[in-house]
Amino acid sequence: MEEVHVLPGRMRLKSPQLYDKKIAETMHIAIEKLIGVKYSRVNYYTSSVLIVYDIEKTDQVSIQEEIKDILKNIKEGKSLVLTQNKTYLSAIQNQKKARNRFLFYGSLYVLFKVKNALFGVFPISRHIRLLITASVITTVEGYPALKRFFKHISNKAPRLSDVLLRITAISLIFLREDGMGCLLLSFRYINDYLRYATEVEYLRILHQSIVENMDLVTIETLQGEKMLMPIADLRVGEKIHLQKGDILPTDGVIIEGKALIDGIYGTGQLSILEMMPQDQVHEGMRVLDGDIIIEVTNLPHKMERAYHAVEEMRIYQKVTNYQEGIGSFSIVLAFINYLVTGNLLNALGIVLLLCPTASELAVHTGMNSYLHLLGKHKIFLKRPAAIEKAAYINHVAFDKTGTLSQGKAEATMDTEFYPNDVPKDLIREDAYALINALKKQGITRLSLLTGDTASKANYAGEVLGIDNIYSECSREEKGKIIGELKTTDEIMMVGDGVNDLEAMRYADISVGLVSSSCDKVKLYSDCIIFEDDLYKVADFIQLSQRSYRAIEQHTNFSKMYNITLGILAVFIPFNPYTAKSLNTINSLLVLLLSKRIEYFNPKREYKLLHEGEVLG
């Protein structure tokens, strides 16, 4: 690495390898995980990397050595870009696009205002044919049926149809000097920017909380050499080397060494066991102390789940149906008006006033504001479409150990154990508050799923007020139970370990806490809570319910606005320019209404604190 400049707490380095975009992206992800790094930016155009770091936590030499190792691993193919990292990079790119578009349309709005104040409006901007052309383009963009027809007639270049519409619309903004249109677009993109900024921040925190190289494992070859291998490439019979702090990536049997093993993520029981050769170990267990080699007996469990897009939400389907219906209605109404009055411009005005763009905008901007709201409350929702599930949740299921209880197990080879090698466990204080809050919200169907013994599970259920208890559950049994409950209820699963993943996969929505969950739960949960506060689960449900209702109200408002003015235009003529301006006002109102979602606050009058009950 070549030093470009170095200052206390800040340096810029350069390497020819960074001209490769994929290497640069991987480097950016890896550097952000280094201890003491506050900020980094990798530029693959200049092959340079800027690093800002905390001089009290690290130094220039340490960072440079780390970067050399990162580049070496990348060159040898030992660094993989995980799915969540791709999501992170995508969010960064979307944030940059939204920022650039906001600056473009915001600058254009200011330019039009200054130009009109100094020189007035150019004559071409008032040209009637230009006005009609702009109306037609706006109409095609706003009605799904007309947009499909346009794509059909341009089927020789289907990929260019959307681009052509967009370029034409932007060109008409310039020609018409459409300041209000620019203002609307700048508002829309600043809203997008804030949403993606929140997403980037939480994905960065999530990324930093996940163990480095969790997708890789150290195996021992037949020649006795150690090498890194992707977990996805493991085979039964492979020998894996594990040491203190490592999480078992799969099931296996110890063939060499001994270690203290924490089984909380693997079995759901708070247990510290001294494991010897021939002992069985399971995926998710953690090595507290010691050094072992295991032979793989089962391949890692795969977490496969179908995720729904925003376009598949019920509320979005309602908007789509409305758009299809209002399209036919507007064309018929405009045609009748033209036959009666012979005024083509008024007919175009009716079509523009009934254009349903704002109803779809209400969903998208409402979702953006909802995600920004959750971010303010330290809640990160990976799947925006999950708002619909969260808003209608009527059953919440919990893991016990590590979720409702503290589930902490720390030990060394010199640790003195409790009888039966089972440490004491305490119910979390905020677990009582959460259960009370859920019941106050009307969610009385609560279940406890645990791998722990029946006596401990029943006791926890009794003190917390949970009636449905399922004890001594394996990972597969938890999934089966949730699958059965899901047939009658909208169910949420809150868990922390590998043994909860099957249940989380079957649940309508899954939740994990970043402070206590294993890496796989962080990766595959629909929702991650970034504060060590269980009460945030109740906040998440409440905020989702309020936000979803607000989005429904905003879509209904935009529909009524369209229909009222469209019918009014039958009796009072509106020229296309006025109609377009009124339709733009509808979109602006929807944007402003959506912003209020960001200021919702959960009601916490039910929060109560209890002394932690001892389990075991």
Foldseek 3Di string as FASTA:
>chain_A
DAWPDDDVQKTKGADLVLLDPVLQLLLLLQLLLDPFWDDKDADNVRRMMITGGDNVTDDDVVSVVSSVVSVVCVVVVNGDQDPLSVVLVVLVVQLVVLVVLLVVLVVLLVVLVVCCVVPNADPQLVDPVLLVVLLVLLLCVQFPVSVVVQLVVVVVCNVCSVVVSVVVNVVSCVRNVVSLVSVLSSLLSVLSNLLSVLVNVVSSVLSNLADPSPQWFWWADPVRDTDIDGLVPDDAFTKTKDFAFDFAQAKWFWADKWFWKACCQPQVAGFTDIHDGRDIDGGFIGTQGIITMTGHHDRGDDQDADADALCPAPLNVVLNVVSNVLQVVLLVLLVVLCVVPVDNQLSSLLSLLLRQNQLNLLSVSLLSLLQSLCSVQQKHFPHSSLLVLLLFAQEEEEEPQLFQKVNDDHDYPPDDADPVRHDKIWGDQLLLQQLQLCVVVVRLHYEYAGLADPVLQVVVCVVSVHDHYHYNDFLVRLLVVLLVVVVPGQYEYEYAHPSPSSNCNNHSFYEYESVRHHSVCSVPGRMYGDDPHSNVSSVSSVLSNVSVVLSSVLSVVLNCSSVVVSVVSSVPGDGSVRSNVSNSVSNVVSSVSSNVSSVDDDDSPSGDGDPIDMGD
